[in-house]
């Protein structure tokens, strides 16, 4: 097994872009709906599978129709779902994604079974023989806290597994420096977006953000994603700002998770930071070409060809 992806599992219902939202009492029309398994762990795992990696997901779904769908869709996507557990008390998490032309997406979300996921749902023997462990949606799994993350990542490090952390920062949650230091202590790659990094640091500049996190663990690769503005990354003092590839975008859902899958791939390939950023940016951009979180994502050779054929602005801020 190449990678285990642990985190939130969601049944996503996407509406294709519409000109405007209907007024109360009116009917709005959309060209199509797409139901797909989603959430950070699912999306990243599915993208890694498309990139040719063997992937297993850990998480929790409800004992319901949506739970059955998520498990079946994971199998369709080539992801091992045998270690996903079922909640007896919570429904499967769900999100409805509304796309309006020229506007950012709107979400309606039920946390569901992700609120019931605990460390007790993890059999650490599944880590044996794994090369990388990704945790996504950390901070929105209420029963999986800091002690659980530390215990899991220490178990991974004992097996020489690379650890990757992605977060979702709930509004109003405060962070102390000691909390962040503990969170990053056993983390090899940290992948927040700029809004999440701002919530954790109070700093708005992406370079200042990567410097802040890098001071907490100088051995950790820190990558701040900036959406259409690209990304800023730091590896052992080297800081690079990468632009974003321009593609015809249909739906930006899941682009950050696709970027994470691309970065994990570069890490497993032991590529330079610049090559890894270029590849991850290409995979992230490809995700936006189709409705849903994974349908448009490049396969490995397609991503390599895209990088070779398209230029990406790279700025070396510090060597």
C-alpha atoms as a PDB file:
ATOM      1  CA  UNK A   1       0.000   0.000   0.000  1.00  0.00           C
ATOM      2  CA  UNK A   2       1.386   3.400  -0.997  1.00  0.00           C
ATOM      3  CA  UNK A   3      -0.839   5.789   0.949  1.00  0.00           C
ATOM      4  CA  UNK A   4      -3.500   5.745   3.645  1.00  0.00           C
ATOM      5  CA  UNK A   5      -5.910   8.699   3.607  1.00  0.00           C
ATOM      6  CA  UNK A   6      -7.731   9.281   6.896  1.00  0.00           C
ATOM      7  CA  UNK A   7     -10.391  11.888   7.471  1.00  0.00           C
ATOM      8  CA  UNK A   8     -13.836  13.101   6.579  1.00  0.00           C
ATOM      9  CA  UNK A   9     -15.991  11.036   4.199  1.00  0.00           C
ATOM     10  CA  UNK A  10     -18.966  12.760   2.579  1.00  0.00           C
ATOM     11  CA  UNK A  11     -21.713  12.095   0.042  1.00  0.00           C
ATOM     12  CA  UNK A  12     -21.529  15.142  -2.261  1.00  0.00           C
ATOM     13  CA  UNK A  13     -24.413  16.300  -4.465  1.00  0.00           C
ATOM     14  CA  UNK A  14     -23.289  18.815  -7.107  1.00  0.00           C
ATOM     15  CA  UNK A  15     -25.522  21.020  -9.247  1.00  0.00           C
ATOM     16  CA  UNK A  16     -23.984  22.145 -12.531  1.00  0.00           C
ATOM     17  CA  UNK A  17     -23.537  25.938 -12.869  1.00  0.00           C
ATOM     18  CA  UNK A  18     -26.754  27.952 -13.170  1.00  0.00           C
ATOM     19  CA  UNK A  19     -27.179  31.624 -14.207  1.00  0.00           C
ATOM     20  CA  UNK A  20     -28.653  32.721 -10.865  1.00  0.00           C
ATOM     21  CA  UNK A  21     -30.268  31.379  -7.707  1.00  0.00           C
ATOM     22  CA  UNK A  22     -34.076  31.218  -7.820  1.00  0.00           C
ATOM     23  CA  UNK A  23     -36.110  33.581  -5.663  1.00  0.00           C
ATOM     24  CA  UNK A  24     -38.053  32.064  -2.729  1.00  0.00           C
ATOM     25  CA  UNK A  25     -40.894  29.927  -4.059  1.00  0.00           C
ATOM     26  CA  UNK A  26     -39.421  29.710  -7.563  1.00  0.00           C
ATOM     27  CA  UNK A  27     -37.932  26.703  -9.345  1.00  0.00           C
ATOM     28  CA  UNK A  28     -34.317  26.921 -10.476  1.00  0.00           C
ATOM     29  CA  UNK A  29     -33.100  24.725 -13.331  1.00  0.00           C
ATOM     30  CA  UNK A  30     -29.692  23.116 -13.697  1.00  0.00           C
ATOM     31  CA  UNK A  31     -28.364  20.954 -16.533  1.00  0.00           C
ATOM     32  CA  UNK A  32     -27.397  18.012 -14.337  1.00  0.00           C
ATOM     33  CA  UNK A  33     -26.759  16.695 -10.853  1.00  0.00           C
ATOM     34  CA  UNK A  34     -23.743  14.619  -9.878  1.00  0.00           C
ATOM     35  CA  UNK A  35     -23.668  12.435  -6.763  1.00  0.00           C
ATOM     36  CA  UNK A  36     -20.176  11.414  -5.695  1.00  0.00           C
ATOM     37  CA  UNK A  37     -18.162  10.307  -2.698  1.00  0.00           C
ATOM     38  CA  UNK A  38     -16.292  13.321  -1.338  1.00  0.00           C
ATOM     39  CA  UNK A  39     -14.569  14.845   1.665  1.00  0.00           C
ATOM     40  CA  UNK A  40     -10.833  15.462   2.064  1.00  0.00           C
ATOM     41  CA  UNK A  41      -9.871  11.823   2.591  1.00  0.00           C
ATOM     42  CA  UNK A  42     -11.996  10.525  -0.281  1.00  0.00           C
ATOM     43  CA  UNK A  43     -10.973  13.215  -2.758  1.00  0.00           C
ATOM     44  CA  UNK A  44      -7.259  12.924  -2.059  1.00  0.00           C
ATOM     45  CA  UNK A  45      -7.400   9.129  -2.163  1.00  0.00           C
ATOM     46  CA  UNK A  46      -9.318   9.105  -5.449  1.00  0.00           C
ATOM     47  CA  UNK A  47      -6.845  11.526  -7.044  1.00  0.00           C
ATOM     48  CA  UNK A  48      -3.905   9.439  -5.819  1.00  0.00           C
ATOM     49  CA  UNK A  49      -5.552   6.378  -7.344  1.00  0.00           C
ATOM     50  CA  UNK A  50      -5.880   8.190 -10.685  1.00  0.00           C
ATOM     51  CA  UNK A  51      -2.177   9.023 -10.381  1.00  0.00           C
ATOM     52  CA  UNK A  52      -1.389   5.313 -10.134  1.00  0.00           C
ATOM     53  CA  UNK A  53      -1.022   4.867  -6.373  1.00  0.00           C
ATOM     54  CA  UNK A  54      -2.436   2.065  -4.223  1.00  0.00           C
ATOM     55  CA  UNK A  55      -4.592   3.808  -1.618  1.00  0.00           C
ATOM     56  CA  UNK A  56      -6.703   2.883   1.411  1.00  0.00           C
ATOM     57  CA  UNK A  57      -9.197   5.171   3.171  1.00  0.00           C
ATOM     58  CA  UNK A  58      -9.922   5.318   6.904  1.00  0.00           C
ATOM     59  CA  UNK A  59     -13.026   7.105   8.128  1.00  0.00           C
ATOM     60  CA  UNK A  60     -16.640   6.618   9.127  1.00  0.00           C
ATOM     61  CA  UNK A  61     -19.995   6.579   7.352  1.00  0.00           C
ATOM     62  CA  UNK A  62     -23.527   5.932   8.530  1.00  0.00           C
ATOM     63  CA  UNK A  63     -25.415   2.675   8.208  1.00  0.00           C
ATOM     64  CA  UNK A  64     -27.639   4.127   5.498  1.00  0.00           C
ATOM     65  CA  UNK A  65     -28.146   4.546   1.756  1.00  0.00           C
ATOM     66  CA  UNK A  66     -25.561   7.325   1.444  1.00  0.00           C
ATOM     67  CA  UNK A  67     -23.057   5.231   3.402  1.00  0.00           C
ATOM     68  CA  UNK A  68     -23.551   2.348   0.982  1.00  0.00           C
ATOM     69  CA  UNK A  69     -23.081   4.747  -1.916  1.00  0.00           C
ATOM     70  CA  UNK A  70     -19.831   6.216  -0.529  1.00  0.00           C
ATOM     71  CA  UNK A  71     -18.333   2.743  -0.055  1.00  0.00           C
ATOM     72  CA  UNK A  72     -19.391   1.626  -3.536  1.00  0.00           C
ATOM     73  CA  UNK A  73     -18.084   4.839  -5.110  1.00  0.00           C
ATOM     74  CA  UNK A  74     -14.724   4.442  -3.366  1.00  0.00           C
ATOM     75  CA  UNK A  75     -14.425   0.996  -4.933  1.00  0.00           C
ATOM     76  CA  UNK A  76     -15.364   2.454  -8.324  1.00  0.00           C
ATOM     77  CA  UNK A  77     -12.582   5.004  -7.876  1.00  0.00           C
ATOM     78  CA  UNK A  78     -10.048   2.257  -7.198  1.00  0.00           C
ATOM     79  CA  UNK A  79      -9.716   2.996  -3.471  1.00  0.00           C
ATOM     80  CA  UNK A  80      -9.594   0.316  -0.756  1.00  0.00           C
ATOM     81  CA  UNK A  81     -12.504   1.013   1.614  1.00  0.00           C
ATOM     82  CA  UNK A  82     -12.222  -2.159   3.715  1.00  0.00           C
ATOM     83  CA  UNK A  83     -11.169  -0.225   6.849  1.00  0.00           C
ATOM     84  CA  UNK A  84     -14.017   2.315   6.773  1.00  0.00           C
ATOM     85  CA  UNK A  85     -16.229   1.898   9.844  1.00  0.00           C
ATOM     86  CA  UNK A  86     -19.987   2.401  10.261  1.00  0.00           C
ATOM     87  CA  UNK A  87     -21.670   4.602  12.848  1.00  0.00           C
ATOM     88  CA  UNK A  88     -24.663   3.208  14.715  1.00  0.00           C
ATOM     89  CA  UNK A  89     -25.810   6.657  15.813  1.00  0.00           C
ATOM     90  CA  UNK A  90     -24.994   9.136  13.036  1.00  0.00           C
ATOM     91  CA  UNK A  91     -26.029   9.394   9.367  1.00  0.00           C
ATOM     92  CA  UNK A  92     -23.484   9.631   6.584  1.00  0.00           C
ATOM     93  CA  UNK A  93     -22.097  13.131   6.177  1.00  0.00           C
ATOM     94  CA  UNK A  94     -23.484  15.008   3.182  1.00  0.00           C
ATOM     95  CA  UNK A  95     -22.913  18.236   1.273  1.00  0.00           C
ATOM     96  CA  UNK A  96     -25.007  19.938  -1.402  1.00  0.00           C
ATOM     97  CA  UNK A  97     -22.854  22.145  -3.646  1.00  0.00           C
ATOM     98  CA  UNK A  98     -24.578  24.928  -5.580  1.00  0.00           C
ATOM     99  CA  UNK A  99     -22.664  26.538  -8.456  1.00  0.00           C
ATOM    100  CA  UNK A 100     -23.766  29.934  -9.814  1.00  0.00           C
ATOM    101  CA  UNK A 101     -21.989  31.305 -12.882  1.00  0.00           C
ATOM    102  CA  UNK A 102     -19.416  33.939 -11.920  1.00  0.00           C
ATOM    103  CA  UNK A 103     -19.816  33.339  -8.176  1.00  0.00           C
ATOM    104  CA  UNK A 104     -18.114  31.212  -5.558  1.00  0.00           C
ATOM    105  CA  UNK A 105     -19.755  27.931  -4.592  1.00  0.00           C
ATOM    106  CA  UNK A 106     -22.418  27.637  -1.880  1.00  0.00           C
ATOM    107  CA  UNK A 107     -22.460  24.657   0.476  1.00  0.00           C
ATOM    108  CA  UNK A 108     -25.111  23.016   2.648  1.00  0.00           C
ATOM    109  CA  UNK A 109     -23.423  20.492   4.945  1.00  0.00           C
ATOM    110  CA  UNK A 110     -24.316  17.785   7.468  1.00  0.00           C
ATOM    111  CA  UNK A 111     -21.312  16.668   9.592  1.00  0.00           C
ATOM    112  CA  UNK A 112     -22.946  13.303  10.281  1.00  0.00           C
ATOM    113  CA  UNK A 113     -20.763  10.268  10.983  1.00  0.00           C
ATOM    114  CA  UNK A 114     -17.545  12.299  10.811  1.00  0.00           C
ATOM    115  CA  UNK A 115     -18.530  13.569  14.277  1.00  0.00           C
ATOM    116  CA  UNK A 116     -18.482   9.958  15.510  1.00  0.00           C
ATOM    117  CA  UNK A 117     -15.000   9.007  14.248  1.00  0.00           C
ATOM    118  CA  UNK A 118     -12.504   8.277  17.062  1.00  0.00           C
ATOM    119  CA  UNK A 119      -9.018   6.849  17.479  1.00  0.00           C
ATOM    120  CA  UNK A 120     -10.699   3.596  18.549  1.00  0.00           C
ATOM    121  CA  UNK A 121     -11.909   3.214  14.948  1.00  0.00           C
ATOM    122  CA  UNK A 122      -8.277   2.838  13.798  1.00  0.00           C
ATOM    123  CA  UNK A 123      -6.406  -0.462  13.759  1.00  0.00           C
ATOM    124  CA  UNK A 124      -2.794   0.741  13.636  1.00  0.00           C
ATOM    125  CA  UNK A 125      -1.706  -2.531  12.021  1.00  0.00           C
ATOM    126  CA  UNK A 126      -3.072  -1.098   8.745  1.00  0.00           C
ATOM    127  CA  UNK A 127      -0.033   1.199   8.769  1.00  0.00           C
ATOM    128  CA  UNK A 128       2.356  -1.705   8.246  1.00  0.00           C
ATOM    129  CA  UNK A 129       4.056  -1.441   4.850  1.00  0.00           C
ATOM    130  CA  UNK A 130       2.532   1.972   4.043  1.00  0.00           C
ATOM    131  CA  UNK A 131       4.734   4.736   2.591  1.00  0.00           C
ATOM    132  CA  UNK A 132       2.650   7.822   3.430  1.00  0.00           C
ATOM    133  CA  UNK A 133      -0.198   8.710   5.791  1.00  0.00           C
ATOM    134  CA  UNK A 134      -2.464  11.657   4.937  1.00  0.00           C
ATOM    135  CA  UNK A 135      -4.918  13.122   7.457  1.00  0.00           C
ATOM    136  CA  UNK A 136      -7.503  15.471   5.938  1.00  0.00           C
ATOM    137  CA  UNK A 137     -10.289  17.442   7.571  1.00  0.00           C
ATOM    138  CA  UNK A 138      -8.494  17.528  10.904  1.00  0.00           C
ATOM    139  CA  UNK A 139     -10.279  19.896  13.339  1.00  0.00           C
ATOM    140  CA  UNK A 140     -13.758  19.055  12.010  1.00  0.00           C
ATOM    141  CA  UNK A 141     -13.783  15.536  13.469  1.00  0.00           C
ATOM    142  CA  UNK A 142     -14.820  16.471  17.038  1.00  0.00           C
ATOM    143  CA  UNK A 143     -13.852  13.140  18.629  1.00  0.00           C
ATOM    144  CA  UNK A 144     -10.452  12.966  16.897  1.00  0.00           C
ATOM    145  CA  UNK A 145      -8.341  15.549  18.693  1.00  0.00           C
ATOM    146  CA  UNK A 146      -4.743  16.608  19.214  1.00  0.00           C
ATOM    147  CA  UNK A 147      -3.763  13.623  21.365  1.00  0.00           C
ATOM    148  CA  UNK A 148      -5.230  11.248  18.777  1.00  0.00           C
ATOM    149  CA  UNK A 149      -3.353  12.917  15.917  1.00  0.00           C
ATOM    150  CA  UNK A 150      -0.083  12.833  17.859  1.00  0.00           C
ATOM    151  CA  UNK A 151      -0.549   9.173  18.768  1.00  0.00           C
ATOM    152  CA  UNK A 152      -1.351   8.253  15.168  1.00  0.00           C
ATOM    153  CA  UNK A 153       1.549  10.190  13.659  1.00  0.00           C
ATOM    154  CA  UNK A 154       3.980   8.746  16.213  1.00  0.00           C
ATOM    155  CA  UNK A 155       2.831   5.261  15.242  1.00  0.00           C
ATOM    156  CA  UNK A 156       3.476   6.222  11.620  1.00  0.00           C
ATOM    157  CA  UNK A 157       6.935   7.638  12.345  1.00  0.00           C
ATOM    158  CA  UNK A 158       7.863   4.423  14.175  1.00  0.00           C
ATOM    159  CA  UNK A 159       7.233   2.696  10.843  1.00  0.00           C
ATOM    160  CA  UNK A 160       9.193   5.337   8.852  1.00  0.00           C
ATOM    161  CA  UNK A 161       5.977   6.535   7.188  1.00  0.00           C
ATOM    162  CA  UNK A 162       5.809  10.067   5.771  1.00  0.00           C
ATOM    163  CA  UNK A 163       3.016  12.067   7.425  1.00  0.00           C
ATOM    164  CA  UNK A 164       0.889  14.683   5.654  1.00  0.00           C
ATOM    165  CA  UNK A 165      -1.605  16.959   7.410  1.00  0.00           C
ATOM    166  CA  UNK A 166      -4.440  19.014   5.927  1.00  0.00           C
ATOM    167  CA  UNK A 167      -6.833  20.967   8.119  1.00  0.00           C
ATOM    168  CA  UNK A 168     -10.228  22.626   8.126  1.00  0.00           C
ATOM    169  CA  UNK A 169     -10.380  25.533  10.585  1.00  0.00           C
ATOM    170  CA  UNK A 170     -13.825  26.121  12.127  1.00  0.00           C
ATOM    171  CA  UNK A 171     -14.809  29.775  12.447  1.00  0.00           C
ATOM    172  CA  UNK A 172     -13.914  31.331  15.791  1.00  0.00           C
ATOM    173  CA  UNK A 173     -11.485  28.607  16.895  1.00  0.00           C
ATOM    174  CA  UNK A 174      -8.374  30.082  18.570  1.00  0.00           C
ATOM    175  CA  UNK A 175      -4.911  28.531  18.270  1.00  0.00           C
ATOM    176  CA  UNK A 176      -1.955  28.852  20.631  1.00  0.00           C
ATOM    177  CA  UNK A 177       1.637  28.509  19.461  1.00  0.00           C
ATOM    178  CA  UNK A 178       2.088  25.456  21.695  1.00  0.00           C
ATOM    179  CA  UNK A 179      -0.971  23.771  20.136  1.00  0.00           C
ATOM    180  CA  UNK A 180       0.390  24.327  16.637  1.00  0.00           C
ATOM    181  CA  UNK A 181       3.849  23.149  17.681  1.00  0.00           C
ATOM    182  CA  UNK A 182       2.361  19.921  19.031  1.00  0.00           C
ATOM    183  CA  UNK A 183       0.304  19.475  15.853  1.00  0.00           C
ATOM    184  CA  UNK A 184       3.354  19.813  13.595  1.00  0.00           C
ATOM    185  CA  UNK A 185       5.806  17.888  15.782  1.00  0.00           C
ATOM    186  CA  UNK A 186       5.483  14.616  13.832  1.00  0.00           C
ATOM    187  CA  UNK A 187       4.274  16.142  10.542  1.00  0.00           C
ATOM    188  CA  UNK A 188       6.404  15.886   7.381  1.00  0.00           C
ATOM    189  CA  UNK A 189       4.125  17.927   5.083  1.00  0.00           C
ATOM    190  CA  UNK A 190       1.591  20.568   6.168  1.00  0.00           C
ATOM    191  CA  UNK A 191      -0.926  21.746   3.543  1.00  0.00           C
ATOM    192  CA  UNK A 192      -3.288  24.518   4.707  1.00  0.00           C
ATOM    193  CA  UNK A 193      -4.767  27.139   2.413  1.00  0.00           C
ATOM    194  CA  UNK A 194      -4.118  30.819   3.062  1.00  0.00           C
ATOM    195  CA  UNK A 195      -7.428  31.373   4.887  1.00  0.00           C
ATOM    196  CA  UNK A 196      -6.729  28.448   7.214  1.00  0.00           C
ATOM    197  CA  UNK A 197      -3.165  29.651   7.767  1.00  0.00           C
ATOM    198  CA  UNK A 198      -4.474  33.135   8.600  1.00  0.00           C
ATOM    199  CA  UNK A 199      -6.898  31.661  11.151  1.00  0.00           C
ATOM    200  CA  UNK A 200      -4.020  29.824  12.830  1.00  0.00           C
ATOM    201  CA  UNK A 201      -1.353  32.545  12.719  1.00  0.00           C
ATOM    202  CA  UNK A 202      -3.095  35.906  12.356  1.00  0.00           C
ATOM    203  CA  UNK A 203      -0.696  36.609   9.466  1.00  0.00           C
ATOM    204  CA  UNK A 204      -2.042  37.535   6.019  1.00  0.00           C
ATOM    205  CA  UNK A 205       1.141  37.232   3.939  1.00  0.00           C
ATOM    206  CA  UNK A 206       1.742  33.690   2.672  1.00  0.00           C
ATOM    207  CA  UNK A 207       5.529  33.932   3.007  1.00  0.00           C
ATOM    208  CA  UNK A 208       5.145  35.060   6.618  1.00  0.00           C
ATOM    209  CA  UNK A 209       2.760  32.150   7.161  1.00  0.00           C
ATOM    210  CA  UNK A 210       5.190  29.506   5.867  1.00  0.00           C
ATOM    211  CA  UNK A 211       7.978  31.052   7.930  1.00  0.00           C
ATOM    212  CA  UNK A 212       5.817  30.901  11.064  1.00  0.00           C
ATOM    213  CA  UNK A 213       4.968  27.231  10.618  1.00  0.00           C
ATOM    214  CA  UNK A 214       8.521  26.334   9.580  1.00  0.00           C
ATOM    215  CA  UNK A 215       9.840  27.784  12.829  1.00  0.00           C
ATOM    216  CA  UNK A 216       7.630  25.330  14.720  1.00  0.00           C
ATOM    217  CA  UNK A 217       9.146  22.355  12.852  1.00  0.00           C
ATOM    218  CA  UNK A 218      12.046  23.184  10.499  1.00  0.00           C
ATOM    219  CA  UNK A 219      11.989  19.636   9.084  1.00  0.00           C
ATOM    220  CA  UNK A 220       8.374  19.953   7.901  1.00  0.00           C
ATOM    221  CA  UNK A 221       7.519  20.960   4.320  1.00  0.00           C
ATOM    222  CA  UNK A 222       4.959  23.776   4.594  1.00  0.00           C
ATOM    223  CA  UNK A 223       2.769  24.546   1.580  1.00  0.00           C
ATOM    224  CA  UNK A 224       0.203  27.364   1.613  1.00  0.00           C
ATOM    225  CA  UNK A 225      -2.257  27.054  -1.271  1.00  0.00           C
ATOM    226  CA  UNK A 226      -3.650  30.311  -2.669  1.00  0.00           C
ATOM    227  CA  UNK A 227      -6.329  29.092  -5.088  1.00  0.00           C
ATOM    228  CA  UNK A 228      -6.050  30.826  -8.461  1.00  0.00           C
ATOM    229  CA  UNK A 229      -2.985  32.708  -7.188  1.00  0.00           C
ATOM    230  CA  UNK A 230      -0.918  29.527  -6.865  1.00  0.00           C
ATOM    231  CA  UNK A 231       1.014  28.404  -3.782  1.00  0.00           C
ATOM    232  CA  UNK A 232       3.947  29.265  -1.523  1.00  0.00           C
ATOM    233  CA  UNK A 233       6.112  26.462  -0.135  1.00  0.00           C
ATOM    234  CA  UNK A 234       9.040  26.117   2.241  1.00  0.00           C
ATOM    235  CA  UNK A 235      11.405  23.152   2.510  1.00  0.00           C
ATOM    236  CA  UNK A 236      14.282  23.414   4.994  1.00  0.00           C
ATOM    237  CA  UNK A 237      14.626  27.160   4.474  1.00  0.00           C
ATOM    238  CA  UNK A 238      14.079  27.166   0.695  1.00  0.00           C
ATOM    239  CA  UNK A 239      10.986  29.236  -0.149  1.00  0.00           C
ATOM    240  CA  UNK A 240       9.298  29.119  -3.565  1.00  0.00           C
ATOM    241  CA  UNK A 241       6.219  30.903  -4.876  1.00  0.00           C
ATOM    242  CA  UNK A 242       4.461  29.139  -7.751  1.00  0.00           C
ATOM    243  CA  UNK A 243       1.759  30.586  -9.964  1.00  0.00           C
ATOM    244  CA  UNK A 244      -1.305  28.668 -11.139  1.00  0.00           C
ATOM    245  CA  UNK A 245      -1.941  26.938 -14.458  1.00  0.00           C
ATOM    246  CA  UNK A 246      -4.789  28.425 -16.478  1.00  0.00           C
ATOM    247  CA  UNK A 247      -7.472  25.955 -17.580  1.00  0.00           C
ATOM    248  CA  UNK A 248     -11.141  26.288 -18.494  1.00  0.00           C
ATOM    249  CA  UNK A 249     -12.791  25.858 -15.110  1.00  0.00           C
ATOM    250  CA  UNK A 250     -16.191  24.212 -14.636  1.00  0.00           C
ATOM    251  CA  UNK A 251     -16.173  23.483 -10.893  1.00  0.00           C
ATOM    252  CA  UNK A 252     -13.387  24.275  -8.418  1.00  0.00           C
ATOM    253  CA  UNK A 253     -14.574  21.769  -5.809  1.00  0.00           C
ATOM    254  CA  UNK A 254     -11.796  19.455  -4.639  1.00  0.00           C
ATOM    255  CA  UNK A 255      -8.940  21.350  -6.309  1.00  0.00           C
ATOM    256  CA  UNK A 256      -7.052  21.657  -3.021  1.00  0.00           C
ATOM    257  CA  UNK A 257      -7.368  17.925  -2.396  1.00  0.00           C
ATOM    258  CA  UNK A 258      -6.134  17.202  -5.922  1.00  0.00           C
ATOM    259  CA  UNK A 259      -3.164  19.515  -5.276  1.00  0.00           C
ATOM    260  CA  UNK A 260      -2.444  17.543  -2.095  1.00  0.00           C
ATOM    261  CA  UNK A 261      -2.485  14.279  -4.063  1.00  0.00           C
ATOM    262  CA  UNK A 262      -0.038  15.758  -6.547  1.00  0.00           C
ATOM    263  CA  UNK A 263       2.262  16.950  -3.776  1.00  0.00           C
ATOM    264  CA  UNK A 264       2.184  13.544  -2.064  1.00  0.00           C
ATOM    265  CA  UNK A 265       3.085  11.955  -5.400  1.00  0.00           C
ATOM    266  CA  UNK A 266       6.094  14.259  -5.743  1.00  0.00           C
ATOM    267  CA  UNK A 267       7.128  13.418  -2.191  1.00  0.00           C
ATOM    268  CA  UNK A 268       6.977   9.689  -2.908  1.00  0.00           C
ATOM    269  CA  UNK A 269       8.976  10.238  -6.102  1.00  0.00           C
ATOM    270  CA  UNK A 270      11.582  12.245  -4.108  1.00  0.00           C
ATOM    271  CA  UNK A 271      11.329  15.157  -6.557  1.00  0.00           C
ATOM    272  CA  UNK A 272      12.685  18.648  -5.927  1.00  0.00           C
ATOM    273  CA  UNK A 273      10.358  21.182  -4.334  1.00  0.00           C
ATOM    274  CA  UNK A 274      10.001  23.050  -7.649  1.00  0.00           C
ATOM    275  CA  UNK A 275       9.081  19.927  -9.638  1.00  0.00           C
ATOM    276  CA  UNK A 276       6.701  18.771  -6.921  1.00  0.00           C
ATOM    277  CA  UNK A 277       4.946  22.157  -6.862  1.00  0.00           C
ATOM    278  CA  UNK A 278       4.607  22.201 -10.655  1.00  0.00           C
ATOM    279  CA  UNK A 279       3.146  18.698 -10.713  1.00  0.00           C
ATOM    280  CA  UNK A 280       0.771  19.387  -7.806  1.00  0.00           C
ATOM    281  CA  UNK A 281      -0.386  22.620  -9.461  1.00  0.00           C
ATOM    282  CA  UNK A 282      -1.141  20.753 -12.688  1.00  0.00           C
ATOM    283  CA  UNK A 283      -3.137  18.075 -10.869  1.00  0.00           C
ATOM    284  CA  UNK A 284      -5.046  20.720  -8.908  1.00  0.00           C
ATOM    285  CA  UNK A 285      -5.872  22.674 -12.062  1.00  0.00           C
ATOM    286  CA  UNK A 286      -7.040  19.544 -13.876  1.00  0.00           C
ATOM    287  CA  UNK A 287      -9.601  18.900 -11.152  1.00  0.00           C
ATOM    288  CA  UNK A 288     -11.526  22.064 -12.056  1.00  0.00           C
ATOM    289  CA  UNK A 289     -12.181  20.975 -15.662  1.00  0.00           C
ATOM    290  CA  UNK A 290     -15.241  18.872 -14.788  1.00  0.00           C
ATOM    291  CA  UNK A 291     -18.151  18.841 -12.357  1.00  0.00           C
ATOM    292  CA  UNK A 292     -17.241  17.110  -9.100  1.00  0.00           C
ATOM    293  CA  UNK A 293     -14.057  16.591  -7.122  1.00  0.00           C
ATOM    294  CA  UNK A 294     -12.274  13.904  -9.157  1.00  0.00           C
ATOM    295  CA  UNK A 295     -13.808  13.430 -12.610  1.00  0.00           C
ATOM    296  CA  UNK A 296     -11.434  15.827 -14.404  1.00  0.00           C
ATOM    297  CA  UNK A 297      -8.208  14.882 -12.608  1.00  0.00           C
ATOM    298  CA  UNK A 298      -5.178  13.962 -14.728  1.00  0.00           C
ATOM    299  CA  UNK A 299      -3.609  10.538 -14.674  1.00  0.00           C
ATOM    300  CA  UNK A 300       0.127  10.426 -13.901  1.00  0.00           C
ATOM    301  CA  UNK A 301       1.431  10.557 -17.486  1.00  0.00           C
ATOM    302  CA  UNK A 302      -1.132  13.208 -18.454  1.00  0.00           C
ATOM    303  CA  UNK A 303       0.035  15.440 -15.607  1.00  0.00           C
ATOM    304  CA  UNK A 304       3.689  15.000 -16.566  1.00  0.00           C
ATOM    305  CA  UNK A 305       2.877  15.854 -20.196  1.00  0.00           C
ATOM    306  CA  UNK A 306       0.883  18.926 -19.152  1.00  0.00           C
ATOM    307  CA  UNK A 307       3.782  20.211 -17.027  1.00  0.00           C
ATOM    308  CA  UNK A 308       6.191  19.644 -19.922  1.00  0.00           C
ATOM    309  CA  UNK A 309       3.956  21.524 -22.377  1.00  0.00           C
ATOM    310  CA  UNK A 310       2.891  24.473 -20.189  1.00  0.00           C
ATOM    311  CA  UNK A 311       5.015  27.019 -18.366  1.00  0.00           C
ATOM    312  CA  UNK A 312       4.418  27.914 -14.732  1.00  0.00           C
ATOM    313  CA  UNK A 313       5.744  31.060 -13.095  1.00  0.00           C
ATOM    314  CA  UNK A 314       8.185  30.094 -10.335  1.00  0.00           C
ATOM    315  CA  UNK A 315       9.725  32.693  -8.023  1.00  0.00           C
ATOM    316  CA  UNK A 316      12.551  31.701  -5.697  1.00  0.00           C
ATOM    317  CA  UNK A 317      12.042  33.870  -2.645  1.00  0.00           C
ATOM    318  CA  UNK A 318      14.781  32.287  -0.563  1.00  0.00           C
ATOM    319  CA  UNK A 319      17.314  29.560  -1.372  1.00  0.00           C
END
